[in-house]
């Protein structure tokens, strides 16, 4: 079943939220007048976006080339993260900040050009920025942004400003522990040849063991903290997924109810028209009945007059005979 015209959907989603419902209802009424109830129902299911989502939709509809650039940057960031390229990821993170900042400036400009849009001081730019950052990290959000039909702002932890700690192991240099150990071993050789070198060596070894133990302790603490953080993240993601499903179910139920209400409104209008016609018919029948009663009375009066006339003339005729 074909959906509403894409041009109409774009026009609705670039309409400021406080006028969205009126514009949508007008489109529904127009589709009904055109004899297309299926399209009318589909239009009635379109949900009103929040102000932040509307601003992102406006950007996607008016400046799709900028949103396309955002998608390319997102792919570059994902590629750098998969390949664990720390320097490239840092470079792209800086580029991300610049791109998001430019997009926010464009959003302000577009909003200022839209009649009835909120003033610049009242624009939820923080939510817009969070949504753009989410689009850089989440392909599903990116698709919604690119379609220009976002319903609410999105948020996501996104790509880190610097590589994660484990990424330092593959940035092209050697492991810091091995390098430090090699430096210490190289420094011990001359000490062994000097007087008292054995004591110095034992002190160095003891210091090295203590440093290693301290690093191991810190590593274990970080591992525990990382495991807890990942568990919290997984739990939060599960809660978010459940909430999103609940929201979608509620949105679907609301759409179905609104469709039913629209159908009930149509049936009510038809019933009101039929009732009006029935009232007109009743009034016509009442007028016809009144006229018939008057005519009946007139005829009855004429009959009575004729009977009276015949009664008056009857005896005189007999005497003449």
Protein backbone atom coordinates (compact mmCIF):
# COMPACT_ATOMS: atom_id res chain seq x y z
CA UNK A 1 0.00 0.00 0.00
CA UNK A 2 1.58 3.31 -1.05
CA UNK A 3 2.17 5.77 1.75
CA UNK A 4 1.54 9.49 1.88
CA UNK A 5 3.34 11.60 -0.74
CA UNK A 6 6.98 12.14 0.38
CA UNK A 7 6.66 15.86 -0.32
CA UNK A 8 3.73 16.07 2.09
CA UNK A 9 5.61 14.15 4.80
CA UNK A 10 8.63 16.43 4.39
CA UNK A 11 6.41 19.50 4.60
CA UNK A 12 4.83 18.22 7.83
CA UNK A 13 8.16 17.39 9.48
CA UNK A 14 9.63 20.77 8.66
CA UNK A 15 6.59 22.46 10.23
CA UNK A 16 7.24 23.79 13.78
CA UNK A 17 5.87 21.31 16.37
CA UNK A 18 3.25 23.72 17.73
CA UNK A 19 1.61 23.75 14.27
CA UNK A 20 2.25 20.13 13.36
CA UNK A 21 -1.08 18.69 14.56
CA UNK A 22 -3.15 21.34 12.76
CA UNK A 23 -1.18 20.81 9.53
CA UNK A 24 -1.50 17.03 9.82
CA UNK A 25 -5.26 17.20 10.47
CA UNK A 26 -5.70 19.49 7.47
CA UNK A 27 -3.80 16.96 5.32
CA UNK A 28 -6.02 14.15 6.67
CA UNK A 29 -9.17 16.13 5.79
CA UNK A 30 -7.82 16.87 2.30
CA UNK A 31 -7.11 13.18 1.67
CA UNK A 32 -10.66 12.31 2.74
CA UNK A 33 -12.13 14.94 0.46
CA UNK A 34 -10.07 13.43 -2.35
CA UNK A 35 -11.67 10.05 -1.64
CA UNK A 36 -8.49 8.41 -0.32
CA UNK A 37 -9.30 7.12 3.20
CA UNK A 38 -6.24 4.80 3.28
CA UNK A 39 -3.83 7.71 2.81
CA UNK A 40 -5.83 9.73 5.34
CA UNK A 41 -5.32 7.00 7.95
CA UNK A 42 -1.58 6.81 7.23
CA UNK A 43 -1.21 10.57 7.56
CA UNK A 44 -3.16 10.49 10.84
CA UNK A 45 -0.56 8.05 12.24
CA UNK A 46 2.30 10.55 11.79
CA UNK A 47 3.53 11.65 15.22
CA UNK A 48 4.50 15.16 16.24
CA UNK A 49 8.27 15.59 16.85
CA UNK A 50 9.83 17.39 19.78
CA UNK A 51 11.43 20.77 19.13
CA UNK A 52 14.94 19.24 19.17
CA UNK A 53 13.89 16.46 16.75
CA UNK A 54 12.21 19.05 14.52
CA UNK A 55 15.46 21.04 14.33
CA UNK A 56 17.38 17.93 13.28
CA UNK A 57 14.66 17.09 10.71
CA UNK A 58 14.86 20.64 9.39
CA UNK A 59 18.61 20.22 8.93
CA UNK A 60 18.18 16.89 7.11
CA UNK A 61 15.44 18.26 4.82
CA UNK A 62 16.98 21.65 4.04
CA UNK A 63 20.68 20.66 4.03
CA UNK A 64 20.87 16.93 3.15
CA UNK A 65 24.45 17.33 1.88
CA UNK A 66 25.63 18.27 5.38
CA UNK A 67 23.92 15.22 6.88
CA UNK A 68 25.61 13.08 4.20
CA UNK A 69 28.98 14.48 5.31
CA UNK A 70 28.08 13.52 8.87
CA UNK A 71 27.43 9.94 7.74
CA UNK A 72 30.84 9.76 6.02
CA UNK A 73 32.58 11.02 9.15
CA UNK A 74 30.72 8.41 11.24
CA UNK A 75 31.97 5.63 8.97
CA UNK A 76 35.53 6.92 9.21
CA UNK A 77 35.28 7.00 13.01
CA UNK A 78 33.92 3.45 13.14
CA UNK A 79 36.69 2.25 10.84
CA UNK A 80 39.37 3.89 13.00
CA UNK A 81 37.89 2.36 16.14
CA UNK A 82 37.72 -1.13 14.59
CA UNK A 83 41.34 -0.91 13.46
CA UNK A 84 42.45 0.53 16.81
CA UNK A 85 44.22 3.46 15.16
CA UNK A 86 44.72 5.83 18.08
CA UNK A 87 46.22 8.86 16.27
CA UNK A 88 43.64 8.65 13.47
CA UNK A 89 40.82 8.34 15.99
CA UNK A 90 42.04 11.42 17.85
CA UNK A 91 42.22 13.33 14.58
CA UNK A 92 38.70 12.28 13.62
CA UNK A 93 37.39 13.12 17.08
CA UNK A 94 38.66 16.68 16.65
CA UNK A 95 37.05 16.76 13.21
CA UNK A 96 33.81 15.51 14.75
CA UNK A 97 33.71 18.41 17.17
CA UNK A 98 34.25 20.85 14.33
CA UNK A 99 31.57 19.27 12.15
CA UNK A 100 29.00 19.13 14.95
CA UNK A 101 29.73 22.76 15.82
CA UNK A 102 29.19 23.77 12.17
CA UNK A 103 25.93 21.83 12.04
CA UNK A 104 24.68 23.54 15.20
CA UNK A 105 25.41 26.92 13.61
CA UNK A 106 23.45 25.84 10.53
CA UNK A 107 20.55 24.71 12.72
CA UNK A 108 20.40 28.18 14.31
CA UNK A 109 20.35 29.75 10.86
CA UNK A 110 17.62 27.47 9.52
CA UNK A 111 15.46 27.98 12.61
CA UNK A 112 15.77 31.75 12.25
CA UNK A 113 14.44 31.46 8.69
CA UNK A 114 11.37 29.44 9.70
CA UNK A 115 8.23 31.48 10.52
CA UNK A 116 6.94 30.75 14.01
CA UNK A 117 10.11 28.98 15.17
CA UNK A 118 11.28 29.49 18.79
CA UNK A 119 13.82 32.24 19.39
CA UNK A 120 17.50 31.30 19.36
CA UNK A 121 17.70 31.52 23.15
CA UNK A 122 14.93 28.93 23.51
CA UNK A 123 16.30 26.37 21.05
CA UNK A 124 17.24 23.05 22.73
CA UNK A 125 20.67 23.01 21.10
CA UNK A 126 22.12 20.70 23.76
CA UNK A 127 19.65 17.99 22.72
CA UNK A 128 20.38 18.67 19.05
CA UNK A 129 24.11 18.28 19.70
CA UNK A 130 23.52 15.02 21.60
CA UNK A 131 21.44 13.70 18.70
CA UNK A 132 24.11 14.57 16.12
CA UNK A 133 26.75 12.86 18.25
CA UNK A 134 24.46 9.83 18.58
CA UNK A 135 24.12 9.73 14.78
CA UNK A 136 27.91 9.49 14.58
CA UNK A 137 27.89 6.41 16.81
CA UNK A 138 24.59 4.63 16.15
CA UNK A 139 23.67 3.63 12.59
CA UNK A 140 19.97 3.39 13.49
CA UNK A 141 19.92 6.96 14.77
CA UNK A 142 21.87 8.03 11.68
CA UNK A 143 19.18 6.52 9.43
CA UNK A 144 16.42 8.36 11.30
CA UNK A 145 18.34 11.61 11.07
CA UNK A 146 19.00 11.14 7.35
CA UNK A 147 15.29 10.39 6.70
CA UNK A 148 14.25 13.66 8.36
CA UNK A 149 11.53 11.97 10.40
CA UNK A 150 13.05 11.94 13.87
CA UNK A 151 10.44 12.09 16.65
CA UNK A 152 12.61 12.87 19.68
CA UNK A 153 16.19 13.68 20.55
CA UNK A 154 18.68 10.83 20.91
CA UNK A 155 21.76 10.39 23.06
CA UNK A 156 24.69 7.98 23.04
CA UNK A 157 28.06 7.68 24.76
CA UNK A 158 29.69 7.97 21.36
CA UNK A 159 33.33 7.67 20.41
CA UNK A 160 35.87 8.56 23.08
CA UNK A 161 37.96 11.69 22.87
CA UNK A 162 41.11 9.54 23.02
CA UNK A 163 41.66 5.82 22.43
CA UNK A 164 40.77 3.48 25.25
CA UNK A 165 43.67 2.49 27.52
CA UNK A 166 44.18 -0.85 25.78
CA UNK A 167 44.64 0.93 22.45
CA UNK A 168 48.00 2.26 23.59
CA UNK A 169 49.43 -1.23 23.10
CA UNK A 170 49.07 -1.05 19.30
CA UNK A 171 49.97 2.53 18.45
CA UNK A 172 53.24 1.51 16.81
CA UNK A 173 55.62 1.86 19.83
CA UNK A 174 56.85 -0.90 22.05
CA UNK A 175 55.26 -1.91 25.29
CA UNK A 176 56.16 0.59 28.02
CA UNK A 177 56.91 -2.13 30.58
CA UNK A 178 59.32 -3.96 28.26
CA UNK A 179 61.05 -0.73 27.29
CA UNK A 180 61.45 0.26 30.95
CA UNK A 181 62.77 -3.18 31.82
CA UNK A 182 65.28 -3.04 28.97
CA UNK A 183 66.50 0.36 30.14
CA UNK A 184 66.95 -0.96 33.68
CA UNK A 185 68.82 -4.05 32.50
CA UNK A 186 71.07 -1.91 30.32
CA UNK A 187 71.77 0.33 33.30
CA UNK A 188 72.68 -2.61 35.56
CA UNK A 189 75.57 -3.92 33.44
CA UNK A 190 78.04 -1.18 34.31
CA UNK A 191 76.90 -1.28 37.92
CA UNK A 192 77.89 -4.93 38.21
CA UNK A 193 81.42 -4.06 37.23
CA UNK A 194 81.67 -1.22 39.76
CA UNK A 195 82.53 -1.70 43.45
CA UNK A 196 79.42 -2.42 45.48
CA UNK A 197 77.49 -3.15 42.31
CA UNK A 198 75.81 -6.24 43.78
CA UNK A 199 73.99 -4.20 46.40
CA UNK A 200 72.93 -1.69 43.82
CA UNK A 201 71.63 -4.48 41.61
CA UNK A 202 69.62 -5.99 44.44
CA UNK A 203 68.10 -2.57 45.23
CA UNK A 204 67.22 -2.08 41.57
CA UNK A 205 65.63 -5.52 41.36
CA UNK A 206 63.64 -4.86 44.52
CA UNK A 207 62.44 -1.52 43.15
CA UNK A 208 61.49 -3.20 39.87
CA UNK A 209 59.53 -5.94 41.68
CA UNK A 210 57.69 -3.31 43.71
CA UNK A 211 56.90 -1.30 40.58
CA UNK A 212 55.62 -4.40 38.82
CA UNK A 213 53.48 -5.31 41.83
CA UNK A 214 52.06 -1.79 41.90
CA UNK A 215 51.27 -1.94 38.18
CA UNK A 216 49.64 -5.34 38.61
CA UNK A 217 47.56 -4.01 41.50
CA UNK A 218 46.47 -1.02 39.44
CA UNK A 219 45.70 -3.29 36.48
CA UNK A 220 43.50 -5.55 38.63
CA UNK A 221 41.65 -2.52 40.02
CA UNK A 222 41.12 -1.13 36.52
CA UNK A 223 39.96 -4.53 35.26
CA UNK A 224 37.39 -4.71 38.05
CA UNK A 225 36.25 -1.16 37.34
CA UNK A 226 36.04 -1.90 33.61
CA UNK A 227 33.99 -5.07 34.22
CA UNK A 228 31.61 -3.13 36.44
CA UNK A 229 31.33 -0.31 33.90
CA UNK A 230 30.59 -2.77 31.10
CA UNK A 231 27.97 -4.52 33.22
CA UNK A 232 26.35 -1.17 34.01
CA UNK A 233 26.44 -0.28 30.32
CA UNK A 234 24.84 -3.58 29.30
CA UNK A 235 22.14 -3.13 31.94
CA UNK A 236 21.48 0.44 30.80
CA UNK A 237 21.34 -0.67 27.16
CA UNK A 238 18.87 -3.42 28.06
CA UNK A 239 16.71 -0.93 29.97
CA UNK A 240 16.89 1.49 27.05
CA UNK A 241 15.89 -1.25 24.60
CA UNK A 242 12.95 -2.26 26.80
CA UNK A 243 11.89 1.36 27.19
CA UNK A 244 12.15 1.89 23.44
CA UNK A 245 9.96 -1.17 22.80
CA UNK A 246 7.44 0.09 25.35
CA UNK A 247 7.49 3.51 23.77
CA UNK A 248 6.99 2.03 20.30
CA UNK A 249 4.11 -0.10 21.55
CA UNK A 250 2.51 2.94 23.16
CA UNK A 251 3.03 4.96 20.01
CA UNK A 252 1.45 2.22 17.90
CA UNK A 253 -1.51 1.92 20.29
CA UNK A 254 -2.00 5.67 20.22
CA UNK A 255 -1.91 5.67 16.43
CA UNK A 256 -4.52 2.93 16.30
CA UNK A 257 -6.75 4.82 18.74
CA UNK A 258 -6.40 8.02 16.74
CA UNK A 259 -7.30 6.11 13.58
CA UNK A 260 -10.37 4.69 15.33
CA UNK A 261 -11.29 8.17 16.55
CA UNK A 262 -10.96 9.51 13.02
CA UNK A 263 -13.26 6.76 11.76
CA UNK A 264 -15.74 7.46 14.58
CA UNK A 265 -15.68 11.14 13.69
CA UNK A 266 -16.45 10.26 10.07
CA UNK A 267 -19.34 8.00 11.12
CA UNK A 268 -20.60 10.70 13.47
CA UNK A 269 -20.64 13.21 10.60
CA UNK A 270 -22.57 10.75 8.43
CA UNK A 271 -25.04 10.06 11.26
CA UNK A 272 -25.54 13.79 11.84
CA UNK A 273 -26.32 14.25 8.15
CA UNK A 274 -28.80 11.37 8.22
CA UNK A 275 -30.41 12.79 11.37
CA UNK A 276 -30.74 16.19 9.71
CA UNK A 277 -32.41 14.61 6.69
CA UNK A 278 -34.75 12.66 8.97
CA UNK A 279 -35.73 15.85 10.81
CA UNK A 280 -36.46 17.58 7.53
CA UNK A 281 -38.57 14.59 6.42
CA UNK A 282 -40.48 14.62 9.72
CA UNK A 283 -41.26 18.30 9.40
CA UNK A 284 -42.47 17.77 5.83
CA UNK A 285 -44.67 14.90 6.99
CA UNK A 286 -46.09 17.05 9.80
CA UNK A 287 -46.98 19.79 7.30
CA UNK A 288 -48.61 17.24 4.99
CA UNK A 289 -50.62 15.82 7.89
CA UNK A 290 -51.84 19.27 8.91
CA UNK A 291 -52.93 19.98 5.34
CA UNK A 292 -54.70 16.62 5.13
CA UNK A 293 -56.51 17.25 8.41
CA UNK A 294 -57.66 20.66 7.20
CA UNK A 295 -58.92 19.14 3.97
CA UNK A 296 -60.71 16.36 5.87
CA UNK A 297 -62.41 18.96 8.04
CA UNK A 298 -63.46 20.96 5.03
CA UNK A 299 -64.93 17.91 3.27
CA UNK A 300 -66.72 16.78 6.41
CA UNK A 301 -68.23 20.25 6.79
CA UNK A 302 -69.38 20.17 3.17
CA UNK A 303 -70.97 16.76 3.67
CA UNK A 304 -72.79 17.94 6.77
CA UNK A 305 -74.06 21.01 4.94
CA UNK A 306 -75.33 18.87 2.10
CA UNK A 307 -77.06 16.52 4.52
CA UNK A 308 -78.71 19.46 6.23
CA UNK A 309 -79.84 20.85 2.90
CA UNK A 310 -81.37 17.56 1.88
CA UNK A 311 -83.17 17.29 5.25
CA UNK A 312 -84.72 20.69 4.86
CA UNK A 313 -86.08 20.04 1.38
CA UNK A 314 -87.47 16.50 2.01
CA UNK A 315 -90.99 17.16 3.59
CA UNK A 316 -91.98 19.88 1.13
CA UNK A 317 -91.56 17.56 -1.78
CA UNK A 318 -93.89 14.98 -0.17
CA UNK A 319 -96.74 17.41 0.30
CA UNK A 320 -96.56 18.47 -3.30
CA UNK A 321 -97.00 14.89 -4.38
